[in-house]
Structures are given as C-alpha cells and as structure tokens.
PDB file of N, CA and C in Angstrom:
ATOM      1  N   PRO A   1       0.986  -1.411  -0.214  1.00  0.00           N
ATOM      2  CA  PRO A   1      -0.088  -0.088  -0.254  1.00  0.00           C
ATOM      3  C   PRO A   1       0.896   1.734  -0.201  1.00  0.00           C
ATOM      4  N   ARG A   2       0.373   1.876  -0.710  1.00  0.00           N
ATOM      5  CA  ARG A   2       1.064   3.645  -1.038  1.00  0.00           C
ATOM      6  C   ARG A   2       0.932   4.812   0.619  1.00  0.00           C
ATOM      7  N   TYR A   3       1.645   5.183   0.786  1.00  0.00           N
ATOM      8  CA  TYR A   3       1.717   6.044   1.828  1.00  0.00           C
ATOM      9  C   TYR A   3       0.863   7.760   1.505  1.00  0.00           C
ATOM     10  N   THR A   4      -0.072   8.059   2.250  1.00  0.00           N
ATOM     11  CA  THR A   4      -0.822   8.942   1.974  1.00  0.00           C
ATOM     12  C   THR A   4      -0.426  10.080   3.149  1.00  0.00           C
ATOM     13  N   GLN A   5      -0.539  11.258   3.335  1.00  0.00           N
ATOM     14  CA  GLN A   5      -0.190  12.016   4.277  1.00  0.00           C
ATOM     15  C   GLN A   5      -1.757  12.236   5.146  1.00  0.00           C
ATOM     16  N   LEU A   6      -1.863  12.532   6.270  1.00  0.00           N
ATOM     17  CA  LEU A   6      -2.718  12.558   6.878  1.00  0.00           C
ATOM     18  C   LEU A   6      -3.732  13.641   6.379  1.00  0.00           C
ATOM     19  N   SER A   7      -4.592  13.849   6.670  1.00  0.00           N
ATOM     20  CA  SER A   7      -5.860  14.996   6.353  1.00  0.00           C
ATOM     21  C   SER A   7      -5.897  15.865   7.124  1.00  0.00           C
ATOM     22  N   PHE A   8      -6.654  17.068   6.662  1.00  0.00           N
ATOM     23  CA  PHE A   8      -6.678  17.984   8.311  1.00  0.00           C
ATOM     24  C   PHE A   8      -7.451  16.923   8.868  1.00  0.00           C
ATOM     25  N   GLU A   9      -8.641  16.435   8.422  1.00  0.00           N
ATOM     26  CA  GLU A   9      -9.936  15.948   9.278  1.00  0.00           C
ATOM     27  C   GLU A   9      -9.089  14.626  10.055  1.00  0.00           C
ATOM     28  N   GLU A  10      -7.889  14.121   9.614  1.00  0.00           N
ATOM     29  CA  GLU A  10      -7.409  12.859  10.515  1.00  0.00           C
ATOM     30  C   GLU A  10      -6.186  13.754  11.590  1.00  0.00           C
ATOM     31  N   ARG A  11      -6.412  14.988  10.987  1.00  0.00           N
ATOM     32  CA  ARG A  11      -5.215  15.638  12.111  1.00  0.00           C
ATOM     33  C   ARG A  11      -6.165  16.249  13.261  1.00  0.00           C
ATOM     34  N   ASN A  12      -7.153  16.673  12.991  1.00  0.00           N
ATOM     35  CA  ASN A  12      -8.756  16.804  14.030  1.00  0.00           C
ATOM     36  C   ASN A  12      -8.760  15.611  14.861  1.00  0.00           C
ATOM     37  N   ARG A  13      -8.864  14.530  14.377  1.00  0.00           N
ATOM     38  CA  ARG A  13      -9.435  13.329  15.132  1.00  0.00           C
ATOM     39  C   ARG A  13      -8.028  12.604  16.043  1.00  0.00           C
ATOM     40  N   LEU A  14      -7.120  13.311  15.728  1.00  0.00           N
ATOM     41  CA  LEU A  14      -5.798  12.822  16.214  1.00  0.00           C
ATOM     42  C   LEU A  14      -5.854  13.408  17.507  1.00  0.00           C
ATOM     43  N   SER A  15      -5.905  15.076  17.113  1.00  0.00           N
ATOM     44  CA  SER A  15      -5.925  15.953  17.836  1.00  0.00           C
ATOM     45  C   SER A  15      -6.857  15.602  19.599  1.00  0.00           C
ATOM     46  N   PHE A  16      -7.928  15.008  19.005  1.00  0.00           N
ATOM     47  CA  PHE A  16      -9.546  14.833  19.877  1.00  0.00           C
ATOM     48  C   PHE A  16      -9.419  13.728  20.035  1.00  0.00           C
ATOM     49  N   LEU A  17      -8.575  12.715  20.096  1.00  0.00           N
ATOM     50  CA  LEU A  17      -7.807  11.361  20.932  1.00  0.00           C
ATOM     51  C   LEU A  17      -6.618  11.792  21.634  1.00  0.00           C
ATOM     52  N   LEU A  18      -5.725  12.285  21.597  1.00  0.00           N
ATOM     53  CA  LEU A  18      -4.767  12.593  22.193  1.00  0.00           C
ATOM     54  C   LEU A  18      -5.764  13.527  23.518  1.00  0.00           C
ATOM     55  N   GLN A  19      -6.596  14.254  23.359  1.00  0.00           N
ATOM     56  CA  GLN A  19      -6.910  14.925  24.497  1.00  0.00           C
ATOM     57  C   GLN A  19      -7.553  14.015  25.305  1.00  0.00           C
ATOM     58  N   GLN A  20      -7.798  12.957  25.116  1.00  0.00           N
ATOM     59  CA  GLN A  20      -8.520  11.884  25.933  1.00  0.00           C
ATOM     60  C   GLN A  20      -7.570  11.002  26.796  1.00  0.00           C
ATOM     61  N   ASN A  21      -6.401  11.246  25.834  1.00  0.00           N
ATOM     62  CA  ASN A  21      -5.230  10.132  26.664  1.00  0.00           C
ATOM     63  C   ASN A  21      -4.890   9.190  26.137  1.00  0.00           C
ATOM     64  N   ARG A  22      -5.367   9.044  24.646  1.00  0.00           N
ATOM     65  CA  ARG A  22      -5.610   7.786  23.998  1.00  0.00           C
ATOM     66  C   ARG A  22      -4.131   7.488  23.759  1.00  0.00           C
ATOM     67  N   SER A  23      -3.254   6.101  23.644  1.00  0.00           N
ATOM     68  CA  SER A  23      -2.361   5.833  23.271  1.00  0.00           C
ATOM     69  C   SER A  23      -2.246   5.839  22.164  1.00  0.00           C
ATOM     70  N   ILE A  24      -0.249   6.218  21.467  1.00  0.00           N
ATOM     71  CA  ILE A  24      -0.516   6.110  20.340  1.00  0.00           C
ATOM     72  C   ILE A  24      -1.134   4.376  19.356  1.00  0.00           C
ATOM     73  N   ARG A  25      -1.353   3.701  20.197  1.00  0.00           N
ATOM     74  CA  ARG A  25      -1.677   2.670  19.473  1.00  0.00           C
ATOM     75  C   ARG A  25      -2.556   2.470  19.253  1.00  0.00           C
ATOM     76  N   GLU A  26      -3.780   3.665  19.859  1.00  0.00           N
ATOM     77  CA  GLU A  26      -5.172   3.733  20.078  1.00  0.00           C
ATOM     78  C   GLU A  26      -5.784   4.770  19.175  1.00  0.00           C
ATOM     79  N   VAL A  27      -4.549   5.182  18.889  1.00  0.00           N
ATOM     80  CA  VAL A  27      -5.149   6.538  18.103  1.00  0.00           C
ATOM     81  C   VAL A  27      -4.484   5.673  17.000  1.00  0.00           C
ATOM     82  N   ALA A  28      -3.870   5.314  16.626  1.00  0.00           N
ATOM     83  CA  ALA A  28      -3.371   4.432  14.623  1.00  0.00           C
ATOM     84  C   ALA A  28      -4.807   3.780  14.704  1.00  0.00           C
ATOM     85  N   PHE A  29      -5.001   2.700  15.163  1.00  0.00           N
ATOM     86  CA  PHE A  29      -6.553   2.295  15.024  1.00  0.00           C
ATOM     87  C   PHE A  29      -7.755   2.498  14.653  1.00  0.00           C
ATOM     88  N   ALA A  30      -7.482   3.431  15.725  1.00  0.00           N
ATOM     89  CA  ALA A  30      -8.673   4.388  15.450  1.00  0.00           C
ATOM     90  C   ALA A  30      -8.779   5.228  14.137  1.00  0.00           C
ATOM     91  N   LEU A  31      -7.693   5.436  13.567  1.00  0.00           N
ATOM     92  CA  LEU A  31      -7.675   6.416  12.235  1.00  0.00           C
ATOM     93  C   LEU A  31      -6.907   5.184  11.019  1.00  0.00           C
ATOM     94  N   GLY A  32      -6.573   4.090  11.868  1.00  0.00           N
ATOM     95  CA  GLY A  32      -6.771   3.073  10.477  1.00  0.00           C
ATOM     96  C   GLY A  32      -5.370   3.359   9.567  1.00  0.00           C
ATOM     97  N   ARG A  33      -4.458   3.629  10.585  1.00  0.00           N
ATOM     98  CA  ARG A  33      -3.070   3.841  10.467  1.00  0.00           C
ATOM     99  C   ARG A  33      -1.642   2.892  10.940  1.00  0.00           C
ATOM    100  N   SER A  34      -0.720   3.390  11.037  1.00  0.00           N
ATOM    101  CA  SER A  34       0.389   2.559  11.546  1.00  0.00           C
ATOM    102  C   SER A  34       0.884   3.531  12.617  1.00  0.00           C
ATOM    103  N   PRO A  35       1.282   2.784  13.401  1.00  0.00           N
ATOM    104  CA  PRO A  35       1.350   3.405  14.935  1.00  0.00           C
ATOM    105  C   PRO A  35       2.852   4.124  14.473  1.00  0.00           C
ATOM    106  N   SER A  36       3.776   3.717  13.317  1.00  0.00           N
ATOM    107  CA  SER A  36       4.815   4.515  13.090  1.00  0.00           C
ATOM    108  C   SER A  36       4.271   5.681  12.543  1.00  0.00           C
ATOM    109  N   THR A  37       3.119   5.668  11.938  1.00  0.00           N
ATOM    110  CA  THR A  37       3.041   7.224  10.693  1.00  0.00           C
ATOM    111  C   THR A  37       2.327   8.022  12.092  1.00  0.00           C
ATOM    112  N   ILE A  38       1.928   7.993  13.159  1.00  0.00           N
ATOM    113  CA  ILE A  38       1.296   8.754  13.976  1.00  0.00           C
ATOM    114  C   ILE A  38       2.231   9.356  15.018  1.00  0.00           C
ATOM    115  N   SER A  39       3.481   7.716  15.257  1.00  0.00           N
ATOM    116  CA  SER A  39       4.564   8.525  16.061  1.00  0.00           C
ATOM    117  C   SER A  39       5.115   9.525  15.645  1.00  0.00           C
ATOM    118  N   ARG A  40       5.550   9.477  13.832  1.00  0.00           N
ATOM    119  CA  ARG A  40       5.916  10.568  13.466  1.00  0.00           C
ATOM    120  C   ARG A  40       5.463  11.784  13.398  1.00  0.00           C
ATOM    121  N   GLU A  41       4.217  11.907  13.272  1.00  0.00           N
ATOM    122  CA  GLU A  41       3.341  12.864  13.382  1.00  0.00           C
ATOM    123  C   GLU A  41       3.332  13.775  14.166  1.00  0.00           C
ATOM    124  N   LEU A  42       2.970  12.814  15.701  1.00  0.00           N
ATOM    125  CA  LEU A  42       3.199  14.235  16.315  1.00  0.00           C
ATOM    126  C   LEU A  42       5.064  14.466  16.512  1.00  0.00           C
ATOM    127  N   LYS A  43       5.800  13.544  16.245  1.00  0.00           N
ATOM    128  CA  LYS A  43       7.425  14.343  16.652  1.00  0.00           C
ATOM    129  C   LYS A  43       7.585  15.270  15.727  1.00  0.00           C
ATOM    130  N   ARG A  44       6.832  15.184  14.581  1.00  0.00           N
ATOM    131  CA  ARG A  44       7.378  16.475  14.032  1.00  0.00           C
ATOM    132  C   ARG A  44       6.343  17.518  13.971  1.00  0.00           C
ATOM    133  N   ASN A  45       5.651  17.537  15.095  1.00  0.00           N
ATOM    134  CA  ASN A  45       4.483  18.662  15.040  1.00  0.00           C
ATOM    135  C   ASN A  45       3.976  18.842  16.582  1.00  0.00           C
ATOM    136  N   ILE A  46       4.076  18.462  17.517  1.00  0.00           N
ATOM    137  CA  ILE A  46       4.175  18.644  18.416  1.00  0.00           C
ATOM    138  C   ILE A  46       4.852  19.474  18.891  1.00  0.00           C
ATOM    139  N   TYR A  47       4.305  20.798  19.833  1.00  0.00           N
ATOM    140  CA  TYR A  47       5.488  21.613  19.663  1.00  0.00           C
ATOM    141  C   TYR A  47       5.832  21.589  21.662  1.00  0.00           C
ATOM    142  N   ALA A  48       7.084  21.750  21.888  1.00  0.00           N
ATOM    143  CA  ALA A  48       8.154  21.234  22.670  1.00  0.00           C
ATOM    144  C   ALA A  48       7.472  22.362  24.084  1.00  0.00           C
ATOM    145  N   SER A  49       7.252  23.503  23.872  1.00  0.00           N
ATOM    146  CA  SER A  49       6.598  24.949  24.546  1.00  0.00           C
ATOM    147  C   SER A  49       5.226  24.489  25.461  1.00  0.00           C
ATOM    148  N   GLN A  50       4.714  23.860  24.531  1.00  0.00           N
ATOM    149  CA  GLN A  50       3.574  23.865  24.787  1.00  0.00           C
ATOM    150  C   GLN A  50       3.285  22.301  25.002  1.00  0.00           C
ATOM    151  N   HIS A  51       3.859  20.970  24.635  1.00  0.00           N
ATOM    152  CA  HIS A  51       3.371  20.677  24.425  1.00  0.00           C
ATOM    153  C   HIS A  51       2.423  19.999  24.282  1.00  0.00           C
ATOM    154  N   SER A  52       1.683  20.499  23.400  1.00  0.00           N
ATOM    155  CA  SER A  52       0.437  20.349  22.578  1.00  0.00           C
ATOM    156  C   SER A  52       0.269  20.160  21.216  1.00  0.00           C
ATOM    157  N   TYR A  53      -0.274  19.040  20.729  1.00  0.00           N
ATOM    158  CA  TYR A  53      -0.515  18.494  19.189  1.00  0.00           C
ATOM    159  C   TYR A  53      -1.491  19.556  18.449  1.00  0.00           C
ATOM    160  N   ARG A  54      -1.529  20.805  17.836  1.00  0.00           N
ATOM    161  CA  ARG A  54      -2.563  21.242  17.151  1.00  0.00           C
ATOM    162  C   ARG A  54      -2.700  21.147  15.766  1.00  0.00           C
ATOM    163  N   PRO A  55      -3.848  20.682  15.140  1.00  0.00           N
ATOM    164  CA  PRO A  55      -3.928  20.620  14.175  1.00  0.00           C
ATOM    165  C   PRO A  55      -4.037  21.049  12.838  1.00  0.00           C
ATOM    166  N   ILE A  56      -4.513  22.898  13.117  1.00  0.00           N
ATOM    167  CA  ILE A  56      -4.043  23.606  11.979  1.00  0.00           C
ATOM    168  C   ILE A  56      -2.866  23.473  11.646  1.00  0.00           C
ATOM    169  N   ASP A  57      -1.763  24.106  12.596  1.00  0.00           N
ATOM    170  CA  ASP A  57      -0.315  23.797  12.500  1.00  0.00           C
ATOM    171  C   ASP A  57       0.109  22.870  11.980  1.00  0.00           C
ATOM    172  N   ALA A  58       0.314  21.584  12.221  1.00  0.00           N
ATOM    173  CA  ALA A  58       0.531  20.742  11.440  1.00  0.00           C
ATOM    174  C   ALA A  58       0.292  20.167  10.240  1.00  0.00           C
ATOM    175  N   GLN A  59      -1.208  20.703   9.786  1.00  0.00           N
ATOM    176  CA  GLN A  59      -0.926  21.538   8.369  1.00  0.00           C
ATOM    177  C   GLN A  59      -0.386  21.950   7.984  1.00  0.00           C
ATOM    178  N   ARG A  60      -0.576  23.318   8.231  1.00  0.00           N
ATOM    179  CA  ARG A  60       0.403  24.593   7.873  1.00  0.00           C
ATOM    180  C   ARG A  60       2.171  23.987   7.469  1.00  0.00           C
ATOM    181  N   MET A  61       2.222  23.410   8.388  1.00  0.00           N
ATOM    182  CA  MET A  61       4.021  22.756   8.525  1.00  0.00           C
ATOM    183  C   MET A  61       4.153  21.629   7.819  1.00  0.00           C
ATOM    184  N   SER A  62       2.918  20.233   7.146  1.00  0.00           N
ATOM    185  CA  SER A  62       2.936  19.732   6.068  1.00  0.00           C
ATOM    186  C   SER A  62       2.960  20.184   4.735  1.00  0.00           C
ATOM    187  N   ARG A  63       2.176  21.547   4.356  1.00  0.00           N
ATOM    188  CA  ARG A  63       2.023  21.843   3.172  1.00  0.00           C
ATOM    189  C   ARG A  63       3.154  22.616   2.998  1.00  0.00           C
ATOM    190  N   ILE A  64       3.898  23.376   3.854  1.00  0.00           N
ATOM    191  CA  ILE A  64       5.413  24.053   3.517  1.00  0.00           C
ATOM    192  C   ILE A  64       6.399  22.859   3.612  1.00  0.00           C
ATOM    193  N   ARG A  65       6.432  21.879   4.324  1.00  0.00           N
ATOM    194  CA  ARG A  65       7.248  21.190   4.229  1.00  0.00           C
ATOM    195  C   ARG A  65       7.058  20.102   2.606  1.00  0.00           C
ATOM    196  N   LYS A  66       6.112  20.148   1.899  1.00  0.00           N
ATOM    197  CA  LYS A  66       5.519  19.014   0.842  1.00  0.00           C
ATOM    198  C   LYS A  66       6.306  20.361  -0.006  1.00  0.00           C
ATOM    199  N   ALA A  67       6.069  21.860  -0.175  1.00  0.00           N
ATOM    200  CA  ALA A  67       6.771  22.929  -1.332  1.00  0.00           C
ATOM    201  C   ALA A  67       7.569  22.403  -1.343  1.00  0.00           C
ATOM    202  N   SER A  68       8.877  22.339  -0.069  1.00  0.00           N
ATOM    203  CA  SER A  68      10.442  22.245  -0.306  1.00  0.00           C
ATOM    204  C   SER A  68      11.213  21.569  -0.674  1.00  0.00           C
ATOM    205  N   ARG A  69      10.297  19.950  -0.701  1.00  0.00           N
ATOM    206  CA  ARG A  69      11.201  18.937  -1.305  1.00  0.00           C
ATOM    207  C   ARG A  69      11.108  19.423  -2.767  1.00  0.00           C
ATOM    208  N   PRO A  70      11.769  18.625  -3.157  1.00  0.00           N
ATOM    209  CA  PRO A  70      12.775  18.463  -4.798  1.00  0.00           C
ATOM    210  C   PRO A  70      11.378  17.770  -5.563  1.00  0.00           C
ATOM    211  N   CYS A  71      10.630  18.213  -6.789  1.00  0.00           N
ATOM    212  CA  CYS A  71       9.933  17.792  -7.442  1.00  0.00           C
ATOM    213  C   CYS A  71      10.624  16.616  -8.714  1.00  0.00           C
ATOM    214  N   ARG A  72      10.379  15.429  -8.470  1.00  0.00           N
ATOM    215  CA  ARG A  72      10.392  14.438  -9.059  1.00  0.00           C
ATOM    216  C   ARG A  72      10.065  14.823 -10.917  1.00  0.00           C
ATOM    217  N   CYS A  73      11.173  14.750 -11.592  1.00  0.00           N
ATOM    218  CA  CYS A  73      10.990  14.704 -13.255  1.00  0.00           C
ATOM    219  C   CYS A  73      10.278  14.136 -13.678  1.00  0.00           C
ATOM    220  N   LYS A  74       9.385  14.399 -14.738  1.00  0.00           N
ATOM    221  CA  LYS A  74       8.511  13.557 -15.360  1.00  0.00           C
ATOM    222  C   LYS A  74       9.186  14.082 -16.510  1.00  0.00           C
ATOM    223  N   VAL A  75       9.347  12.644 -17.298  1.00  0.00           N
ATOM    224  CA  VAL A  75      10.192  13.089 -18.508  1.00  0.00           C
ATOM    225  C   VAL A  75       8.883  12.197 -19.345  1.00  0.00           C
ATOM    226  N   GLY A  76       8.606  12.615 -20.971  1.00  0.00           N
ATOM    227  CA  GLY A  76       7.126  12.254 -21.171  1.00  0.00           C
ATOM    228  C   GLY A  76       7.997  10.717 -22.153  1.00  0.00           C
ATOM    229  N   TYR A  77       7.281  10.435 -23.079  1.00  0.00           N
ATOM    230  CA  TYR A  77       7.409   9.171 -24.004  1.00  0.00           C
ATOM    231  C   TYR A  77       8.138   9.871 -24.989  1.00  0.00           C
ATOM    232  N   GLN A  78       8.640  10.517 -25.453  1.00  0.00           N
ATOM    233  CA  GLN A  78       8.600  10.944 -26.825  1.00  0.00           C
ATOM    234  C   GLN A  78      10.189  11.369 -26.310  1.00  0.00           C
ATOM    235  N   GLU A  79      10.127  12.246 -25.102  1.00  0.00           N
ATOM    236  CA  GLU A  79      12.006  12.653 -24.924  1.00  0.00           C
ATOM    237  C   GLU A  79      12.472  11.176 -24.223  1.00  0.00           C
ATOM    238  N   LEU A  80      11.346  10.153 -23.820  1.00  0.00           N
ATOM    239  CA  LEU A  80      12.436   9.237 -23.951  1.00  0.00           C
ATOM    240  C   LEU A  80      13.032   8.135 -24.471  1.00  0.00           C
ATOM    241  N   ARG A  81      12.058   8.231 -25.965  1.00  0.00           N
ATOM    242  CA  ARG A  81      12.329   7.683 -26.602  1.00  0.00           C
ATOM    243  C   ARG A  81      14.029   8.310 -27.200  1.00  0.00           C
ATOM    244  N   TRP A  82      13.732   9.543 -27.427  1.00  0.00           N
ATOM    245  CA  TRP A  82      14.573  10.290 -27.913  1.00  0.00           C
ATOM    246  C   TRP A  82      16.050   9.780 -27.280  1.00  0.00           C
ATOM    247  N   ILE A  83      16.258   9.801 -25.646  1.00  0.00           N
ATOM    248  CA  ILE A  83      17.183   9.483 -24.973  1.00  0.00           C
ATOM    249  C   ILE A  83      17.671   8.537 -25.255  1.00  0.00           C
ATOM    250  N   THR A  84      16.647   7.441 -25.451  1.00  0.00           N
ATOM    251  CA  THR A  84      17.184   6.029 -25.210  1.00  0.00           C
ATOM    252  C   THR A  84      17.648   5.549 -26.775  1.00  0.00           C
ATOM    253  N   THR A  85      17.659   6.049 -27.523  1.00  0.00           N
ATOM    254  CA  THR A  85      18.084   6.061 -29.366  1.00  0.00           C
ATOM    255  C   THR A  85      19.612   6.635 -29.067  1.00  0.00           C
ATOM    256  N   LYS A  86      19.644   7.579 -28.129  1.00  0.00           N
ATOM    257  CA  LYS A  86      20.845   8.657 -28.628  1.00  0.00           C
ATOM    258  C   LYS A  86      21.813   7.192 -27.082  1.00  0.00           C
ATOM    259  N   LEU A  87      21.418   7.058 -26.324  1.00  0.00           N
ATOM    260  CA  LEU A  87      22.567   5.863 -25.341  1.00  0.00           C
ATOM    261  C   LEU A  87      22.985   5.112 -26.633  1.00  0.00           C
ATOM    262  N   LYS A  88      21.929   4.312 -27.339  1.00  0.00           N
ATOM    263  CA  LYS A  88      22.344   2.962 -28.091  1.00  0.00           C
ATOM    264  C   LYS A  88      22.903   3.770 -29.311  1.00  0.00           C
ATOM    265  N   MET A  89      23.153   5.176 -29.549  1.00  0.00           N
ATOM    266  CA  MET A  89      24.031   5.603 -30.355  1.00  0.00           C
ATOM    267  C   MET A  89      25.910   5.905 -29.666  1.00  0.00           C
ATOM    268  N   GLN A  90      26.032   5.305 -28.440  1.00  0.00           N
ATOM    269  CA  GLN A  90      26.927   5.655 -27.560  1.00  0.00           C
ATOM    270  C   GLN A  90      26.855   7.044 -27.059  1.00  0.00           C
ATOM    271  N   TRP A  91      26.060   8.175 -26.833  1.00  0.00           N
ATOM    272  CA  TRP A  91      26.008   9.164 -26.947  1.00  0.00           C
ATOM    273  C   TRP A  91      26.370   9.162 -25.357  1.00  0.00           C
ATOM    274  N   SER A  92      27.552  10.091 -24.615  1.00  0.00           N
ATOM    275  CA  SER A  92      26.986   9.993 -23.627  1.00  0.00           C
ATOM    276  C   SER A  92      25.944  11.055 -23.140  1.00  0.00           C
ATOM    277  N   PRO A  93      26.312  10.959 -21.388  1.00  0.00           N
ATOM    278  CA  PRO A  93      24.798  11.443 -20.836  1.00  0.00           C
ATOM    279  C   PRO A  93      24.988  13.099 -20.997  1.00  0.00           C
ATOM    280  N   GLU A  94      26.529  13.729 -21.019  1.00  0.00           N
ATOM    281  CA  GLU A  94      26.172  15.018 -21.484  1.00  0.00           C
ATOM    282  C   GLU A  94      26.082  15.134 -22.532  1.00  0.00           C
ATOM    283  N   GLN A  95      26.294  14.808 -23.435  1.00  0.00           N
ATOM    284  CA  GLN A  95      25.909  15.162 -24.781  1.00  0.00           C
ATOM    285  C   GLN A  95      24.244  14.750 -25.276  1.00  0.00           C
ATOM    286  N   ILE A  96      23.813  14.226 -23.675  1.00  0.00           N
ATOM    287  CA  ILE A  96      22.427  14.176 -24.146  1.00  0.00           C
ATOM    288  C   ILE A  96      21.777  15.151 -23.488  1.00  0.00           C
ATOM    289  N   ALA A  97      22.788  15.579 -22.924  1.00  0.00           N
ATOM    290  CA  ALA A  97      21.736  16.800 -21.982  1.00  0.00           C
ATOM    291  C   ALA A  97      22.186  18.080 -22.153  1.00  0.00           C
TER     292      ALA A  97
END
C-alpha cells in the first residue's frame, strides 16, 4: 500500500483522541494508520514549549514541507525514446543533456 499524508480531518481526530489520553496505538487503530505514522506525525508537530498538538499548525507545516521538497522530473514518452536512441548510439549523458 502507498503512503498518504494525514488529511486535516485525520489531524483533527488525532488531536481529539490525544486530548482523551489515548495511546499512540489506540489512535492509530482509530484512524486506520500505522502506529509509526502517528508517532512520526507527533514527533514532527508537537510543540515542545506547549507539549501540545495543534492540527491547524500541523497541516500548515505539512504544506510548507511538501512545497520545499524537490519535484520528481517527469519525462514524457517521446523524450524518453529520444534519450534511449542516443544512448544506443553511444552518446554520453553530457551530450544528451
């Protein structure tokens, strides 16, 4: 199964369950997520000064982190075919670039 980030609704539910003093395993089960996913979410988004999890801040920080990650280069079929042809002709990667 492919990993998906927590949604804002899941973050709200996570916050609610934490306020009820639920364990990480209980929260994970309730959200249908792995306990390690919940643990990482809390590690990234609990504020040390307040010892609290705030879903709106967690969602904002998630968007900021996502925007700062490098994008994967998407090469179309035609470009890939052209590159493959040049490699078969013994072109170097520098020549192809």
